[in-house]
Protein backbone atom coordinates (compact mmCIF):
# COMPACT_ATOMS: atom_id res chain seq x y z
CA MET A 1 -9.31 -40.45 44.28
CA ASP A 2 -13.03 -40.62 43.56
CA ASN A 3 -14.84 -37.45 44.72
CA SER A 4 -11.59 -35.92 46.01
CA ILE A 5 -10.75 -32.23 45.56
CA ASP A 6 -7.89 -29.89 46.45
CA LEU A 7 -8.57 -26.30 47.54
CA HIS A 8 -5.04 -25.29 48.60
CA VAL A 9 -2.59 -25.29 45.69
CA HIS A 10 0.37 -23.10 44.64
CA SER A 11 1.85 -22.49 41.19
CA ILE A 12 4.84 -20.69 39.67
CA TYR A 13 2.96 -17.44 40.29
CA SER A 14 3.91 -17.66 43.97
CA ASP A 15 6.23 -20.32 45.38
CA GLY A 16 5.20 -23.48 43.55
CA SER A 17 7.19 -25.16 40.77
CA ASP A 18 4.34 -26.02 38.37
CA LYS A 19 2.48 -23.95 35.83
CA PRO A 20 -1.33 -23.90 36.29
CA GLU A 21 -1.73 -26.06 33.17
CA GLN A 22 0.62 -28.68 34.65
CA ILE A 23 -1.33 -28.74 37.90
CA VAL A 24 -4.59 -29.32 36.04
CA SER A 25 -3.05 -32.06 33.91
CA LEU A 26 -1.87 -33.82 37.07
CA ALA A 27 -5.29 -33.34 38.70
CA GLN A 28 -6.94 -34.91 35.67
CA ARG A 29 -4.68 -37.96 35.92
CA LEU A 30 -5.53 -38.22 39.61
CA ASN A 31 -9.25 -37.92 38.86
CA LEU A 32 -9.72 -34.88 41.12
CA LYS A 33 -13.16 -33.33 40.79
CA ALA A 34 -12.44 -29.72 41.79
CA LEU A 35 -9.52 -27.34 42.38
CA SER A 36 -8.69 -23.88 43.61
CA LEU A 37 -5.44 -22.03 42.99
CA THR A 38 -4.38 -20.20 46.18
CA ASP A 39 -1.13 -18.46 45.32
CA HIS A 40 0.41 -16.06 47.85
CA ASP A 41 -0.63 -12.45 47.18
CA SER A 42 -1.18 -13.21 43.49
CA VAL A 43 -4.07 -13.88 41.12
CA GLU A 44 -1.90 -14.03 37.98
CA GLY A 45 -2.31 -17.76 37.51
CA ILE A 46 -6.09 -17.83 37.87
CA PRO A 47 -7.09 -17.26 34.19
CA ALA A 48 -4.86 -20.08 32.91
CA MET A 49 -5.99 -22.40 35.71
CA GLN A 50 -9.65 -21.64 35.06
CA THR A 51 -9.34 -22.25 31.32
CA SER A 52 -7.40 -25.48 31.84
CA CYS A 53 -9.98 -26.74 34.35
CA GLU A 54 -12.82 -26.02 31.93
CA LEU A 55 -11.06 -28.00 29.19
CA ALA A 56 -10.35 -30.87 31.58
CA GLY A 57 -13.86 -31.02 33.04
CA ILE A 58 -12.64 -30.11 36.52
CA GLU A 59 -14.62 -27.63 38.61
CA PHE A 60 -12.77 -24.53 39.75
CA VAL A 61 -13.07 -21.49 42.00
CA PRO A 62 -10.51 -18.66 42.21
CA GLY A 63 -8.49 -18.53 45.41
CA ILE A 64 -5.67 -16.67 47.14
CA GLU A 65 -3.60 -16.95 50.33
CA LEU A 66 -2.81 -13.78 52.27
CA SER A 67 -0.14 -13.64 54.97
CA THR A 68 -1.56 -11.57 57.82
CA ASP A 69 -0.73 -10.55 61.37
CA TYR A 70 -2.85 -10.79 64.48
CA GLU A 71 -1.41 -10.01 67.91
CA GLY A 72 2.06 -10.76 66.65
CA HIS A 73 1.11 -14.13 65.15
CA GLU A 74 1.46 -14.76 61.41
CA ILE A 75 -1.90 -16.12 60.29
CA HIS A 76 -2.80 -17.03 56.74
CA ILE A 77 -6.22 -16.15 55.38
CA LEU A 78 -7.53 -17.92 52.28
CA GLY A 79 -9.97 -16.17 49.96
CA TYR A 80 -12.32 -18.03 47.62
CA CYS A 81 -14.88 -17.23 44.93
CA PHE A 82 -13.91 -13.53 44.77
CA ASP A 83 -13.71 -11.01 41.96
CA TYR A 84 -10.03 -11.42 41.16
CA LYS A 85 -10.20 -8.75 38.43
CA ASN A 86 -11.16 -5.97 40.86
CA ALA A 87 -8.75 -3.04 40.33
CA HIS A 88 -8.54 -1.91 43.97
CA PHE A 89 -7.94 -5.47 45.14
CA ASN A 90 -5.10 -5.87 42.67
CA GLU A 91 -3.54 -2.57 43.76
CA ILE A 92 -3.41 -3.90 47.32
CA LEU A 93 -1.86 -7.16 46.13
CA GLU A 94 0.78 -5.17 44.27
CA SER A 95 1.61 -3.20 47.42
CA ASN A 96 1.90 -6.50 49.33
CA VAL A 97 4.39 -7.79 46.76
CA LYS A 98 6.41 -4.56 47.04
CA ALA A 99 6.51 -5.02 50.83
CA ARG A 100 7.78 -8.56 50.27
CA ASP A 101 10.49 -7.24 47.96
CA VAL A 102 11.64 -4.65 50.52
CA ARG A 103 11.98 -7.41 53.12
CA THR A 104 13.65 -9.70 50.58
CA GLU A 105 16.23 -7.02 49.76
CA ARG A 106 17.13 -6.81 53.46
CA ILE A 107 17.54 -10.59 53.62
CA LEU A 108 19.66 -10.66 50.46
CA SER A 109 21.89 -7.85 51.71
CA ALA A 110 22.49 -9.78 54.93
CA LEU A 111 23.27 -12.93 52.93
CA ARG A 112 25.77 -11.04 50.79
CA ASP A 113 27.41 -9.80 54.00
CA LYS A 114 27.86 -13.48 54.87
CA GLY A 115 29.68 -14.03 51.58
CA LEU A 116 26.83 -15.47 49.51
CA ASP A 117 26.22 -14.33 45.93
CA ILE A 118 22.54 -13.49 45.45
CA THR A 119 20.47 -10.57 44.17
CA LEU A 120 16.77 -9.86 43.69
CA GLU A 121 17.38 -9.46 39.96
CA ALA A 122 18.88 -12.97 39.82
CA LEU A 123 15.90 -14.39 41.67
CA TYR A 124 13.40 -12.77 39.30
CA LEU A 125 15.45 -13.92 36.31
CA ARG A 126 14.98 -17.51 37.45
CA ASN A 127 11.39 -16.97 38.64
CA PRO A 128 9.88 -14.31 36.34
CA CYS A 129 6.25 -14.94 37.32
CA ALA A 130 6.72 -15.51 41.03
CA VAL A 131 6.02 -13.64 44.21
CA ILE A 132 9.53 -14.06 45.65
CA THR A 133 9.62 -15.85 49.00
CA ARG A 134 12.25 -17.39 51.26
CA ALA A 135 11.66 -20.68 49.43
CA HIS A 136 13.00 -19.08 46.24
CA ILE A 137 16.08 -17.83 48.12
CA ALA A 138 16.78 -21.28 49.52
CA THR A 139 16.34 -22.92 46.11
CA TYR A 140 18.64 -20.40 44.42
CA LEU A 141 21.42 -20.88 46.97
CA TYR A 142 21.14 -24.65 46.61
CA GLU A 143 20.91 -24.73 42.80
CA THR A 144 23.86 -22.36 42.41
CA GLY A 145 26.00 -24.67 44.55
CA GLN A 146 26.40 -22.28 47.46
CA LEU A 147 24.64 -24.55 49.94
CA LYS A 148 24.36 -28.32 50.23
CA CYS A 149 20.54 -28.33 50.45
CA ARG A 150 17.55 -25.99 50.70
CA LYS A 151 17.08 -26.83 54.37
CA GLU A 152 20.54 -25.45 55.15
CA ALA A 153 19.38 -22.00 54.05
CA PHE A 154 16.61 -21.99 56.65
CA ASP A 155 18.59 -23.70 59.39
CA LYS A 156 21.62 -21.43 59.07
CA TYR A 157 20.45 -18.14 57.55
CA ILE A 158 16.82 -17.33 56.76
CA GLY A 159 14.64 -19.37 59.12
CA ASP A 160 12.69 -17.51 61.79
CA GLY A 161 15.12 -15.96 64.26
CA LYS A 162 18.23 -16.75 62.19
CA CYS A 163 20.94 -14.21 61.36
CA CYS A 164 19.56 -13.16 57.95
CA HIS A 165 15.86 -13.26 58.79
CA PHE A 166 13.73 -10.12 58.88
CA LYS A 167 10.01 -9.85 59.47
CA ARG A 168 7.88 -8.02 56.94
CA GLU A 169 4.92 -5.75 57.50
CA LYS A 170 1.67 -7.67 56.99
CA ILE A 171 -1.98 -6.77 56.71
CA ASN A 172 -4.02 -7.25 59.88
CA SER A 173 -6.02 -10.48 59.79
CA ILE A 174 -9.38 -8.76 60.27
CA ASN A 175 -8.55 -6.24 57.55
CA ALA A 176 -7.74 -9.19 55.27
CA ILE A 177 -11.15 -10.73 55.97
CA ASN A 178 -12.79 -7.40 55.14
CA LEU A 179 -10.69 -7.08 51.98
CA ILE A 180 -11.83 -10.50 50.74
CA HIS A 181 -15.44 -9.60 51.50
CA SER A 182 -15.05 -6.32 49.60
CA VAL A 183 -14.59 -8.34 46.40
CA ASN A 184 -17.50 -10.69 47.23
CA GLY A 185 -15.20 -13.46 48.45
CA ILE A 186 -15.28 -16.07 51.19
CA ALA A 187 -12.67 -15.72 53.96
CA VAL A 188 -11.21 -18.88 55.49
CA ILE A 189 -8.48 -19.27 58.11
CA ALA A 190 -5.76 -21.57 56.78
CA HIS A 191 -4.22 -24.49 58.74
CA PRO A 192 -4.81 -23.19 62.32
CA PRO A 193 -2.76 -25.96 64.02
CA LEU A 194 0.39 -24.62 62.36
CA TYR A 195 0.25 -21.41 64.43
CA LYS A 196 1.18 -23.30 67.62
CA LEU A 197 -1.48 -21.58 69.69
CA ASP A 198 -2.93 -23.36 72.69
CA ALA A 199 -6.55 -24.46 72.42
CA LYS A 200 -7.85 -21.53 74.50
CA ASP A 201 -6.04 -18.88 72.46
CA LEU A 202 -7.04 -20.46 69.16
CA ASP A 203 -10.68 -20.60 70.23
CA ARG A 204 -10.55 -16.95 71.31
CA ILE A 205 -9.03 -15.82 67.99
CA ILE A 206 -11.51 -17.84 65.93
CA SER A 207 -14.32 -16.27 67.96
CA ILE A 208 -13.01 -12.76 67.26
CA PHE A 209 -12.52 -13.52 63.57
CA LYS A 210 -16.04 -14.95 63.34
CA ASP A 211 -17.44 -11.77 64.91
CA ASN A 212 -15.58 -9.88 62.18
CA GLY A 213 -16.90 -11.93 59.28
CA LEU A 214 -14.77 -15.11 59.06
CA ASP A 215 -16.64 -17.61 56.88
CA GLY A 216 -14.66 -20.81 57.16
CA ILE A 217 -11.83 -22.88 58.57
CA GLU A 218 -9.41 -25.25 56.84
CA GLY A 219 -10.62 -28.53 58.29
CA VAL A 220 -8.47 -30.97 56.29
CA TYR A 221 -4.78 -30.37 55.59
CA SER A 222 -1.64 -32.35 54.76
CA THR A 223 0.02 -32.13 58.17
CA TYR A 224 -3.04 -32.63 60.38
CA HIS A 225 -3.19 -35.51 62.83
CA ASN A 226 -6.53 -36.96 63.92
CA ASP A 227 -6.61 -34.67 66.96
CA ASP A 228 -6.11 -31.64 64.69
CA MET A 229 -8.98 -32.65 62.42
CA TYR A 230 -11.24 -33.27 65.40
CA MET A 231 -10.41 -29.82 66.82
CA MET A 232 -11.13 -28.14 63.46
CA GLN A 233 -14.47 -29.95 63.23
CA LYS A 234 -15.39 -28.80 66.74
CA LEU A 235 -14.47 -25.18 65.97
CA ALA A 236 -16.38 -25.27 62.69
CA ALA A 237 -19.49 -26.55 64.46
CA LYS A 238 -19.15 -24.16 67.41
CA TYR A 239 -18.81 -21.06 65.24
CA ASP A 240 -20.92 -22.18 62.27
CA LEU A 241 -18.01 -22.08 59.85
CA LEU A 242 -17.58 -23.66 56.45
CA MET A 243 -14.99 -26.42 56.21
CA THR A 244 -12.42 -26.38 53.42
CA GLY A 245 -9.34 -28.46 52.81
CA GLY A 246 -6.29 -28.92 50.66
CA SER A 247 -2.81 -30.30 50.30
CA ASP A 248 -0.81 -27.03 50.12
CA TYR A 249 0.79 -28.47 46.98
CA HIS A 250 3.98 -26.73 45.79
CA GLY A 251 5.23 -29.26 43.24
CA SER A 252 8.94 -30.08 43.45
CA ASN A 253 9.49 -27.24 45.94
CA LYS A 254 7.76 -29.46 48.54
CA PRO A 255 8.19 -32.92 47.00
CA PHE A 256 6.76 -34.70 50.05
CA ILE A 257 3.36 -33.01 49.52
CA HIS A 258 1.31 -34.53 46.69
CA LEU A 259 -1.62 -32.96 44.87
CA GLY A 260 -4.89 -34.23 46.27
CA SER A 261 -3.33 -36.70 48.72
CA GLY A 262 -0.86 -34.58 50.71
CA ARG A 263 1.53 -36.89 52.51
CA GLY A 264 -0.36 -39.89 51.14
CA ASN A 265 -3.58 -40.16 53.12
CA LEU A 266 -5.27 -36.79 52.60
CA HIS A 267 -8.86 -36.84 51.39
CA VAL A 268 -10.81 -33.61 50.88
CA PRO A 269 -14.42 -34.55 50.05
CA TYR A 270 -16.34 -33.00 47.18
CA ASP A 271 -18.99 -31.96 49.70
CA PHE A 272 -16.63 -29.19 50.88
CA PHE A 273 -16.53 -27.73 47.37
CA ASP A 274 -20.29 -28.02 46.93
CA LYS A 275 -20.94 -26.09 50.14
CA LEU A 276 -18.33 -23.48 49.19
CA LYS A 277 -20.02 -22.87 45.84
CA ASN A 278 -23.46 -22.59 47.41
CA TYR A 279 -22.16 -20.25 50.11
CA SER A 280 -20.64 -17.94 47.52
CA ILE A 281 -24.00 -17.17 45.92
CA LYS A 282 -25.93 -16.43 49.12
C-alpha cells in the first residue's frame, strides 16, 4: 500500500470495534502513510489516535463525521483539521449525543414491546466509550442470542421504515459546515452517491453547499464504482473542491470493509492528504 492513506475511519468511540491504538497498529502493518479518525459526533478517540500515529511515524489530522439533514435527506459532513478541544464545539457534540440517546430510547422501547430484552444501560455497559447507534443495537441483539444475525435487526426491526425505527433530529447541513468552520476546520461532504440523489439534485445541493462554504468532497470511497468516482471528480473540478477519500473502516462491525483498501481495491493517494494539510493552513 505504498503512498496509501485512509481519511474515513471509526473506532470504539462511535460505532467501530477497534481502539485507536489498534487501528494505528494495523495501519503500520499495512504501510499506510496518513490517517484521520472520523468518529460520529465524537472527538474522544483523537488524543490516543494522534499519540499512536506520532509513535508509529504515521501522519494524522483530527476528523469527525456529523449526521445532518438537508431537505429531508440525511447527509453526512466530515470535518478535518479542526480545533477538537474547543469548548463550544464539544457542548454541541454532547447535545447531539443526547439527541441520539432520546431516539435510541424510543427504538429500545419499541423493541421491548416486540418482546426483545434490551436497555440503553445494557448497551452502554457493553460499549462504555461509544456513541450508541443502530449498529450497537443490532450487535447486542445478535450477541445475546435474540436474533440469528445483525442483518435481521435491520431487516425486521430497526432499518429505515421498519416497525421500530424512528428518525432523530439532526443539525442542518449548512449549519454543520458553519460549525466546522467556527473551529477552523475543513468541511467535506461524505460519500455523496450513497444519498441516492439523481445527478441534477446532487449537483444542485453541492452548488448550494459550496456557496455556503463547503470545502471538499469525498472522491474515493469503499463502495464507489468507476462511474461514481468519475462523477465525484467532475463535481470537485466544477466547484473547486478538495478531494478526500477513505474506507469507512469499522473493524469487525463491518468485516467486509478493510482499513486502507475498503472492499479490496480502494486506493486513496497521499496527494489528497498533502492538499488537505496545505488547505488547512491557508
